[in-house]
Amino acid sequence: TYTFVYANRRSKPATIMVGDRPEISAISYELVFPSYVGQPPRTLTGRIPKIQALAGTSIMVSFASTTELHPELSYVEWAEGDKQAITVNGRFGHFSFSVDRPNRAVLHLTGRYGRGFEMTDPLSLEIAVDRDQAPSVVIGIRKEKMVMLAEEAAAFAVPYTAEDDFGVAEVTLNYRIDTIDVLLGREPRQGAVTRLVEPASERVNGKFAESFKALNPPLQPGDRIRIELTAKDNNTETGPSVGRSRTLEIVV
């Protein structure tokens, strides 16, 4: 605090105050996973340079600053150049976003006194995306090619095992029937039989039995059946992923 004195006259006191630039004193990240995952929210604390999360995860970043913040001059800058406002309440702030692609967020804070009181080192956060993997589905028969009578093939059962980290929602037997010789003159035909899994399960065992018993016309000698199984997961966020088995061939 100081004054000017001249010719026995004194000015009013003037004051210069020293303020601090804001720094982050505490920070946390709350991750809310997509509903189909079936996992509870998770909270991470402390400075984390990189977060890797499943696509569709919502993240709320909350932090405390060493000084009060300017609500209009504190913001998040994304890799594309977009700026996102921060909700500020005194020394505290938070912002939210959804994980949909790899990105980078830079947190810029400014003290309540405005320009000139920007934080020295903005906080950077890398966002990496985990893509939901497709289910695995396996035909429970070692052979890749089999020869059967028509009655045997019609009643044949195809065992399977399907697995997914967040749940298998359905398993489908897909088939195509043609002939081993085009001179037999039969048109190719194809179809599918689907089994829904409710509720979705991480591991499913079962079998498709008598899938060709009701065919019209029925199976005949010279027919060739190609079977492939598919499994879908229960990803309701970005759409279900599909896993495929090897092909099983049955010659009648």
C-alpha atoms as a PDB file:
ATOM      1  CA  THR A   1       0.000   0.000   0.000  1.00  0.00           C
ATOM      2  CA  TYR A   2       1.415   3.417  -0.907  1.00  0.00           C
ATOM      3  CA  THR A   3       0.567   7.153  -1.193  1.00  0.00           C
ATOM      4  CA  PHE A   4       2.002  10.170  -3.056  1.00  0.00           C
ATOM      5  CA  VAL A   5       3.002  13.318  -1.126  1.00  0.00           C
ATOM      6  CA  TYR A   6       3.582  16.708  -2.794  1.00  0.00           C
ATOM      7  CA  ALA A   7       3.476  20.278  -1.410  1.00  0.00           C
ATOM      8  CA  ASN A   8       2.048  19.131   1.921  1.00  0.00           C
ATOM      9  CA  ARG A   9      -0.713  17.261   0.138  1.00  0.00           C
ATOM     10  CA  ARG A  10      -1.209  13.474   0.337  1.00  0.00           C
ATOM     11  CA  SER A  11      -3.013  11.274  -2.127  1.00  0.00           C
ATOM     12  CA  LYS A  12      -5.452   8.568  -1.182  1.00  0.00           C
ATOM     13  CA  PRO A  13      -3.776   5.217  -0.418  1.00  0.00           C
ATOM     14  CA  ALA A  14      -3.331   2.866  -3.366  1.00  0.00           C
ATOM     15  CA  THR A  15      -3.024  -0.889  -2.964  1.00  0.00           C
ATOM     16  CA  ILE A  16      -1.424  -3.624  -5.072  1.00  0.00           C
ATOM     17  CA  MET A  17      -2.440  -7.170  -4.176  1.00  0.00           C
ATOM     18  CA  VAL A  18      -0.533 -10.264  -5.279  1.00  0.00           C
ATOM     19  CA  GLY A  19      -2.765 -13.143  -6.418  1.00  0.00           C
ATOM     20  CA  ASP A  20      -1.846 -16.716  -7.235  1.00  0.00           C
ATOM     21  CA  ARG A  21      -2.416 -18.530 -10.491  1.00  0.00           C
ATOM     22  CA  PRO A  22      -4.750 -21.515 -10.042  1.00  0.00           C
ATOM     23  CA  GLU A  23      -3.340 -25.012  -9.756  1.00  0.00           C
ATOM     24  CA  ILE A  24      -5.249 -28.263  -9.391  1.00  0.00           C
ATOM     25  CA  SER A  25      -5.040 -29.542  -5.826  1.00  0.00           C
ATOM     26  CA  ALA A  26      -7.322 -32.594  -6.249  1.00  0.00           C
ATOM     27  CA  ILE A  27      -9.012 -34.326  -9.177  1.00  0.00           C
ATOM     28  CA  SER A  28     -11.197 -37.408  -9.745  1.00  0.00           C
ATOM     29  CA  TYR A  29     -12.745 -39.202 -12.716  1.00  0.00           C
ATOM     30  CA  GLU A  30     -16.083 -41.019 -12.450  1.00  0.00           C
ATOM     31  CA  LEU A  31     -16.653 -43.609 -15.189  1.00  0.00           C
ATOM     32  CA  VAL A  32     -20.212 -44.771 -15.903  1.00  0.00           C
ATOM     33  CA  PHE A  33     -20.148 -47.749 -18.259  1.00  0.00           C
ATOM     34  CA  PRO A  34     -22.826 -48.538 -20.887  1.00  0.00           C
ATOM     35  CA  SER A  35     -25.854 -50.262 -19.333  1.00  0.00           C
ATOM     36  CA  TYR A  36     -25.368 -53.499 -21.270  1.00  0.00           C
ATOM     37  CA  VAL A  37     -22.000 -54.045 -19.564  1.00  0.00           C
ATOM     38  CA  GLY A  38     -23.681 -54.565 -16.196  1.00  0.00           C
ATOM     39  CA  GLN A  39     -20.784 -53.082 -14.211  1.00  0.00           C
ATOM     40  CA  PRO A  40     -21.097 -50.440 -11.463  1.00  0.00           C
ATOM     41  CA  PRO A  41     -19.540 -46.968 -11.917  1.00  0.00           C
ATOM     42  CA  ARG A  42     -15.853 -46.621 -11.108  1.00  0.00           C
ATOM     43  CA  THR A  43     -14.017 -43.639  -9.653  1.00  0.00           C
ATOM     44  CA  LEU A  44     -10.345 -42.878 -10.280  1.00  0.00           C
ATOM     45  CA  THR A  45      -8.501 -40.264  -8.229  1.00  0.00           C
ATOM     46  CA  GLY A  46      -5.332 -38.283  -8.785  1.00  0.00           C
ATOM     47  CA  ARG A  47      -3.768 -36.993 -11.977  1.00  0.00           C
ATOM     48  CA  ILE A  48      -4.059 -39.561 -14.756  1.00  0.00           C
ATOM     49  CA  PRO A  49      -2.390 -38.788 -18.100  1.00  0.00           C
ATOM     50  CA  LYS A  50      -4.466 -41.330 -20.049  1.00  0.00           C
ATOM     51  CA  ILE A  51      -7.860 -43.010 -19.631  1.00  0.00           C
ATOM     52  CA  GLN A  52      -8.788 -46.087 -21.660  1.00  0.00           C
ATOM     53  CA  ALA A  53     -12.511 -46.845 -21.630  1.00  0.00           C
ATOM     54  CA  LEU A  54     -15.147 -48.775 -23.555  1.00  0.00           C
ATOM     55  CA  ALA A  55     -16.978 -46.825 -26.265  1.00  0.00           C
ATOM     56  CA  GLY A  56     -20.163 -45.316 -24.824  1.00  0.00           C
ATOM     57  CA  THR A  57     -18.678 -44.765 -21.352  1.00  0.00           C
ATOM     58  CA  SER A  58     -19.635 -41.459 -19.704  1.00  0.00           C
ATOM     59  CA  ILE A  59     -16.891 -39.696 -17.740  1.00  0.00           C
ATOM     60  CA  MET A  60     -17.304 -36.817 -15.280  1.00  0.00           C
ATOM     61  CA  VAL A  61     -14.122 -35.001 -14.248  1.00  0.00           C
ATOM     62  CA  SER A  62     -14.311 -33.131 -10.926  1.00  0.00           C
ATOM     63  CA  PHE A  63     -11.494 -31.057  -9.466  1.00  0.00           C
ATOM     64  CA  ALA A  64     -10.507 -28.542  -6.803  1.00  0.00           C
ATOM     65  CA  SER A  65      -8.254 -25.536  -7.443  1.00  0.00           C
ATOM     66  CA  THR A  66      -5.887 -23.707  -5.139  1.00  0.00           C
ATOM     67  CA  THR A  67      -7.704 -20.419  -5.899  1.00  0.00           C
ATOM     68  CA  GLU A  68     -11.190 -19.341  -6.918  1.00  0.00           C
ATOM     69  CA  LEU A  69     -11.825 -19.659 -10.635  1.00  0.00           C
ATOM     70  CA  HIS A  70     -13.166 -17.371 -13.324  1.00  0.00           C
ATOM     71  CA  PRO A  71     -16.258 -19.189 -14.719  1.00  0.00           C
ATOM     72  CA  GLU A  72     -16.083 -17.721 -18.256  1.00  0.00           C
ATOM     73  CA  LEU A  73     -12.315 -17.997 -18.746  1.00  0.00           C
ATOM     74  CA  SER A  74     -11.936 -21.602 -17.519  1.00  0.00           C
ATOM     75  CA  TYR A  75     -12.613 -24.222 -20.192  1.00  0.00           C
ATOM     76  CA  VAL A  76     -11.667 -27.559 -21.776  1.00  0.00           C
ATOM     77  CA  GLU A  77     -10.072 -27.604 -25.225  1.00  0.00           C
ATOM     78  CA  TRP A  78     -10.398 -30.776 -27.310  1.00  0.00           C
ATOM     79  CA  ALA A  79      -7.995 -32.057 -29.956  1.00  0.00           C
ATOM     80  CA  GLU A  80     -10.215 -30.792 -32.807  1.00  0.00           C
ATOM     81  CA  GLY A  81     -10.105 -27.272 -31.356  1.00  0.00           C
ATOM     82  CA  ASP A  82     -13.598 -27.326 -29.816  1.00  0.00           C
ATOM     83  CA  LYS A  83     -13.955 -25.635 -26.435  1.00  0.00           C
ATOM     84  CA  GLN A  84     -16.215 -26.929 -23.675  1.00  0.00           C
ATOM     85  CA  ALA A  85     -17.392 -24.841 -20.739  1.00  0.00           C
ATOM     86  CA  ILE A  86     -16.643 -25.921 -17.191  1.00  0.00           C
ATOM     87  CA  THR A  87     -19.201 -25.697 -14.402  1.00  0.00           C
ATOM     88  CA  VAL A  88     -17.432 -23.568 -11.768  1.00  0.00           C
ATOM     89  CA  ASN A  89     -18.365 -23.025  -8.122  1.00  0.00           C
ATOM     90  CA  GLY A  90     -15.666 -21.036  -6.348  1.00  0.00           C
ATOM     91  CA  ARG A  91     -12.557 -23.224  -6.216  1.00  0.00           C
ATOM     92  CA  PHE A  92     -14.367 -26.255  -7.608  1.00  0.00           C
ATOM     93  CA  GLY A  93     -15.335 -27.299 -11.117  1.00  0.00           C
ATOM     94  CA  HIS A  94     -16.484 -30.239 -13.194  1.00  0.00           C
ATOM     95  CA  PHE A  95     -17.243 -31.246 -16.790  1.00  0.00           C
ATOM     96  CA  SER A  96     -18.558 -34.389 -18.485  1.00  0.00           C
ATOM     97  CA  PHE A  97     -18.110 -36.129 -21.827  1.00  0.00           C
ATOM     98  CA  SER A  98     -18.848 -39.451 -23.530  1.00  0.00           C
ATOM     99  CA  VAL A  99     -16.148 -41.712 -24.955  1.00  0.00           C
ATOM    100  CA  ASP A 100     -16.800 -42.234 -28.668  1.00  0.00           C
ATOM    101  CA  ARG A 101     -13.385 -41.841 -30.340  1.00  0.00           C
ATOM    102  CA  PRO A 102      -9.718 -41.309 -29.432  1.00  0.00           C
ATOM    103  CA  ASN A 103      -9.281 -37.736 -28.252  1.00  0.00           C
ATOM    104  CA  ARG A 104      -7.288 -35.366 -26.055  1.00  0.00           C
ATOM    105  CA  ALA A 105      -8.648 -32.886 -23.516  1.00  0.00           C
ATOM    106  CA  VAL A 106      -6.609 -29.932 -22.202  1.00  0.00           C
ATOM    107  CA  LEU A 107      -7.935 -28.254 -19.047  1.00  0.00           C
ATOM    108  CA  HIS A 108      -7.330 -24.470 -18.970  1.00  0.00           C
ATOM    109  CA  LEU A 109      -8.067 -22.667 -15.693  1.00  0.00           C
ATOM    110  CA  THR A 110      -8.073 -18.929 -15.012  1.00  0.00           C
ATOM    111  CA  GLY A 111      -8.236 -17.352 -11.563  1.00  0.00           C
ATOM    112  CA  ARG A 112     -11.186 -15.158 -10.586  1.00  0.00           C
ATOM    113  CA  TYR A 113      -9.204 -11.960 -11.335  1.00  0.00           C
ATOM    114  CA  GLY A 114      -9.352 -12.746 -15.057  1.00  0.00           C
ATOM    115  CA  ARG A 115      -6.756 -12.495 -17.806  1.00  0.00           C
ATOM    116  CA  GLY A 116      -3.183 -12.732 -16.634  1.00  0.00           C
ATOM    117  CA  PHE A 117      -4.117 -15.292 -13.973  1.00  0.00           C
ATOM    118  CA  GLU A 118      -4.097 -18.372 -16.211  1.00  0.00           C
ATOM    119  CA  MET A 119      -2.721 -21.604 -14.737  1.00  0.00           C
ATOM    120  CA  THR A 120       0.931 -22.131 -15.588  1.00  0.00           C
ATOM    121  CA  ASP A 121       0.666 -25.704 -16.888  1.00  0.00           C
ATOM    122  CA  PRO A 122      -2.718 -26.719 -18.361  1.00  0.00           C
ATOM    123  CA  LEU A 123      -3.695 -30.305 -17.542  1.00  0.00           C
ATOM    124  CA  SER A 124      -3.743 -32.724 -20.489  1.00  0.00           C
ATOM    125  CA  LEU A 125      -5.781 -35.954 -20.614  1.00  0.00           C
ATOM    126  CA  GLU A 126      -5.546 -38.543 -23.405  1.00  0.00           C
ATOM    127  CA  ILE A 127      -8.690 -40.550 -24.193  1.00  0.00           C
ATOM    128  CA  ALA A 128      -8.257 -44.054 -25.664  1.00  0.00           C
ATOM    129  CA  VAL A 129     -11.208 -46.160 -26.817  1.00  0.00           C
ATOM    130  CA  ASP A 130     -11.700 -49.872 -26.185  1.00  0.00           C
ATOM    131  CA  ARG A 131     -13.911 -51.423 -28.836  1.00  0.00           C
ATOM    132  CA  ASP A 132     -16.260 -54.175 -27.732  1.00  0.00           C
ATOM    133  CA  GLN A 133     -14.906 -57.454 -29.086  1.00  0.00           C
ATOM    134  CA  ALA A 134     -17.139 -59.818 -31.048  1.00  0.00           C
ATOM    135  CA  PRO A 135     -18.267 -63.029 -29.312  1.00  0.00           C
ATOM    136  CA  SER A 136     -16.523 -66.320 -30.008  1.00  0.00           C
ATOM    137  CA  VAL A 137     -18.619 -69.280 -31.136  1.00  0.00           C
ATOM    138  CA  VAL A 138     -17.260 -72.797 -31.589  1.00  0.00           C
ATOM    139  CA  ILE A 139     -18.861 -75.872 -33.147  1.00  0.00           C
ATOM    140  CA  GLY A 140     -18.361 -78.793 -30.746  1.00  0.00           C
ATOM    141  CA  ILE A 141     -17.321 -81.236 -33.471  1.00  0.00           C
ATOM    142  CA  ARG A 142     -13.713 -81.717 -34.482  1.00  0.00           C
ATOM    143  CA  LYS A 143     -14.415 -82.898 -38.013  1.00  0.00           C
ATOM    144  CA  GLU A 144     -14.871 -80.339 -40.761  1.00  0.00           C
ATOM    145  CA  LYS A 145     -16.534 -82.719 -43.238  1.00  0.00           C
ATOM    146  CA  MET A 146     -18.914 -85.614 -42.585  1.00  0.00           C
ATOM    147  CA  VAL A 147     -20.866 -88.120 -44.717  1.00  0.00           C
ATOM    148  CA  MET A 148     -24.319 -89.256 -43.523  1.00  0.00           C
ATOM    149  CA  LEU A 149     -27.491 -90.906 -44.666  1.00  0.00           C
ATOM    150  CA  ALA A 150     -30.422 -88.557 -45.263  1.00  0.00           C
ATOM    151  CA  GLU A 151     -32.223 -89.655 -42.077  1.00  0.00           C
ATOM    152  CA  GLU A 152     -29.061 -89.154 -40.008  1.00  0.00           C
ATOM    153  CA  ALA A 153     -28.442 -85.677 -41.413  1.00  0.00           C
ATOM    154  CA  ALA A 154     -32.059 -84.617 -40.794  1.00  0.00           C
ATOM    155  CA  ALA A 155     -31.831 -85.586 -37.112  1.00  0.00           C
ATOM    156  CA  PHE A 156     -28.239 -84.465 -36.639  1.00  0.00           C
ATOM    157  CA  ALA A 157     -27.465 -82.197 -33.624  1.00  0.00           C
ATOM    158  CA  VAL A 158     -24.843 -79.442 -33.874  1.00  0.00           C
ATOM    159  CA  PRO A 159     -23.358 -78.661 -30.419  1.00  0.00           C
ATOM    160  CA  TYR A 160     -21.879 -75.224 -29.747  1.00  0.00           C
ATOM    161  CA  THR A 161     -20.239 -72.987 -27.165  1.00  0.00           C
ATOM    162  CA  ALA A 162     -20.473 -69.186 -27.395  1.00  0.00           C
ATOM    163  CA  GLU A 163     -18.667 -66.702 -25.148  1.00  0.00           C
ATOM    164  CA  ASP A 164     -18.544 -62.921 -24.779  1.00  0.00           C
ATOM    165  CA  ASP A 165     -17.028 -60.705 -22.094  1.00  0.00           C
ATOM    166  CA  PHE A 166     -20.299 -58.778 -21.585  1.00  0.00           C
ATOM    167  CA  GLY A 167     -22.900 -61.320 -22.647  1.00  0.00           C
ATOM    168  CA  VAL A 168     -24.114 -63.418 -25.591  1.00  0.00           C
ATOM    169  CA  ALA A 169     -27.615 -62.363 -26.697  1.00  0.00           C
ATOM    170  CA  GLU A 170     -28.323 -64.861 -29.493  1.00  0.00           C
ATOM    171  CA  VAL A 171     -26.824 -67.792 -31.393  1.00  0.00           C
ATOM    172  CA  THR A 172     -27.836 -68.651 -34.963  1.00  0.00           C
ATOM    173  CA  LEU A 173     -27.289 -71.713 -37.141  1.00  0.00           C
ATOM    174  CA  ASN A 174     -26.959 -70.636 -40.756  1.00  0.00           C
ATOM    175  CA  TYR A 175     -27.075 -73.254 -43.481  1.00  0.00           C
ATOM    176  CA  ARG A 176     -26.859 -73.537 -47.243  1.00  0.00           C
ATOM    177  CA  ILE A 177     -27.841 -76.678 -49.125  1.00  0.00           C
ATOM    178  CA  ASP A 178     -26.607 -77.346 -52.647  1.00  0.00           C
ATOM    179  CA  THR A 179     -25.446 -80.510 -54.393  1.00  0.00           C
ATOM    180  CA  ILE A 180     -22.145 -82.239 -54.980  1.00  0.00           C
ATOM    181  CA  ASP A 181     -22.977 -82.360 -58.712  1.00  0.00           C
ATOM    182  CA  VAL A 182     -24.852 -79.700 -60.683  1.00  0.00           C
ATOM    183  CA  LEU A 183     -26.227 -82.460 -62.934  1.00  0.00           C
ATOM    184  CA  LEU A 184     -28.612 -83.393 -60.117  1.00  0.00           C
ATOM    185  CA  GLY A 185     -30.519 -80.240 -61.070  1.00  0.00           C
ATOM    186  CA  ARG A 186     -31.532 -79.060 -57.578  1.00  0.00           C
ATOM    187  CA  GLU A 187     -31.772 -75.383 -56.723  1.00  0.00           C
ATOM    188  CA  PRO A 188     -29.642 -74.198 -53.782  1.00  0.00           C
ATOM    189  CA  ARG A 189     -31.556 -73.254 -50.657  1.00  0.00           C
ATOM    190  CA  GLN A 190     -30.567 -71.634 -47.415  1.00  0.00           C
ATOM    191  CA  GLY A 191     -32.008 -70.721 -44.045  1.00  0.00           C
ATOM    192  CA  ALA A 192     -31.286 -69.993 -40.406  1.00  0.00           C
ATOM    193  CA  VAL A 193     -32.389 -71.097 -36.953  1.00  0.00           C
ATOM    194  CA  THR A 194     -31.934 -68.573 -34.118  1.00  0.00           C
ATOM    195  CA  ARG A 195     -31.835 -69.102 -30.339  1.00  0.00           C
ATOM    196  CA  LEU A 196     -32.282 -66.039 -28.128  1.00  0.00           C
ATOM    197  CA  VAL A 197     -30.404 -65.956 -24.827  1.00  0.00           C
ATOM    198  CA  GLU A 198     -32.438 -64.176 -22.134  1.00  0.00           C
ATOM    199  CA  PRO A 199     -30.894 -62.810 -20.068  1.00  0.00           C
ATOM    200  CA  ALA A 200     -27.626 -62.483 -21.949  1.00  0.00           C
ATOM    201  CA  SER A 201     -24.896 -64.732 -20.567  1.00  0.00           C
ATOM    202  CA  GLU A 202     -21.103 -64.624 -20.763  1.00  0.00           C
ATOM    203  CA  ARG A 203     -20.975 -68.318 -21.709  1.00  0.00           C
ATOM    204  CA  VAL A 204     -23.638 -70.325 -23.517  1.00  0.00           C
ATOM    205  CA  ASN A 205     -23.651 -74.068 -24.278  1.00  0.00           C
ATOM    206  CA  GLY A 206     -26.294 -75.767 -26.370  1.00  0.00           C
ATOM    207  CA  LYS A 207     -27.065 -77.632 -29.568  1.00  0.00           C
ATOM    208  CA  PHE A 208     -29.211 -77.276 -32.656  1.00  0.00           C
ATOM    209  CA  ALA A 209     -30.992 -80.607 -33.064  1.00  0.00           C
ATOM    210  CA  GLU A 210     -33.153 -81.869 -35.959  1.00  0.00           C
ATOM    211  CA  SER A 211     -32.733 -78.569 -37.791  1.00  0.00           C
ATOM    212  CA  PHE A 212     -33.256 -80.237 -41.202  1.00  0.00           C
ATOM    213  CA  LYS A 213     -36.055 -82.647 -40.278  1.00  0.00           C
ATOM    214  CA  ALA A 214     -38.889 -80.408 -41.474  1.00  0.00           C
ATOM    215  CA  LEU A 215     -37.310 -79.452 -44.805  1.00  0.00           C
ATOM    216  CA  ASN A 216     -39.567 -79.600 -47.845  1.00  0.00           C
ATOM    217  CA  PRO A 217     -38.398 -81.185 -50.017  1.00  0.00           C
ATOM    218  CA  PRO A 218     -36.436 -83.359 -47.566  1.00  0.00           C
ATOM    219  CA  LEU A 219     -32.746 -84.073 -47.815  1.00  0.00           C
ATOM    220  CA  GLN A 220     -31.721 -86.421 -50.618  1.00  0.00           C
ATOM    221  CA  PRO A 221     -28.582 -88.311 -51.554  1.00  0.00           C
ATOM    222  CA  GLY A 222     -26.125 -85.963 -53.235  1.00  0.00           C
ATOM    223  CA  ASP A 223     -27.115 -82.967 -51.097  1.00  0.00           C
ATOM    224  CA  ARG A 224     -24.327 -80.987 -49.447  1.00  0.00           C
ATOM    225  CA  ILE A 225     -25.033 -78.943 -46.306  1.00  0.00           C
ATOM    226  CA  ARG A 226     -22.695 -76.156 -45.232  1.00  0.00           C
ATOM    227  CA  ILE A 227     -23.262 -74.989 -41.641  1.00  0.00           C
ATOM    228  CA  GLU A 228     -21.896 -71.849 -39.984  1.00  0.00           C
ATOM    229  CA  LEU A 229     -22.806 -70.584 -36.513  1.00  0.00           C
ATOM    230  CA  THR A 230     -22.960 -66.905 -35.576  1.00  0.00           C
ATOM    231  CA  ALA A 231     -23.259 -65.283 -32.129  1.00  0.00           C
ATOM    232  CA  LYS A 232     -24.307 -61.736 -31.274  1.00  0.00           C
ATOM    233  CA  ASP A 233     -23.515 -59.874 -28.081  1.00  0.00           C
ATOM    234  CA  ASN A 234     -25.869 -57.552 -26.209  1.00  0.00           C
ATOM    235  CA  ASN A 235     -24.127 -54.271 -27.122  1.00  0.00           C
ATOM    236  CA  THR A 236     -26.994 -51.763 -27.209  1.00  0.00           C
ATOM    237  CA  GLU A 237     -24.645 -48.759 -27.309  1.00  0.00           C
ATOM    238  CA  THR A 238     -22.888 -49.065 -30.678  1.00  0.00           C
ATOM    239  CA  GLY A 239     -24.760 -52.072 -32.045  1.00  0.00           C
ATOM    240  CA  PRO A 240     -24.165 -55.791 -31.533  1.00  0.00           C
ATOM    241  CA  SER A 241     -20.924 -57.423 -32.656  1.00  0.00           C
ATOM    242  CA  VAL A 242     -21.112 -60.736 -34.509  1.00  0.00           C
ATOM    243  CA  GLY A 243     -18.740 -63.662 -34.104  1.00  0.00           C
ATOM    244  CA  ARG A 244     -18.567 -66.552 -36.604  1.00  0.00           C
ATOM    245  CA  SER A 245     -17.573 -70.187 -36.336  1.00  0.00           C
ATOM    246  CA  ARG A 246     -15.731 -72.314 -38.872  1.00  0.00           C
ATOM    247  CA  THR A 247     -17.832 -74.050 -41.535  1.00  0.00           C
ATOM    248  CA  LEU A 248     -19.021 -77.629 -41.062  1.00  0.00           C
ATOM    249  CA  GLU A 249     -19.855 -79.611 -44.206  1.00  0.00           C
ATOM    250  CA  ILE A 250     -22.222 -82.582 -44.335  1.00  0.00           C
ATOM    251  CA  VAL A 251     -22.568 -84.642 -47.516  1.00  0.00           C
ATOM    252  CA  VAL A 252     -25.693 -86.784 -47.776  1.00  0.00           C
END
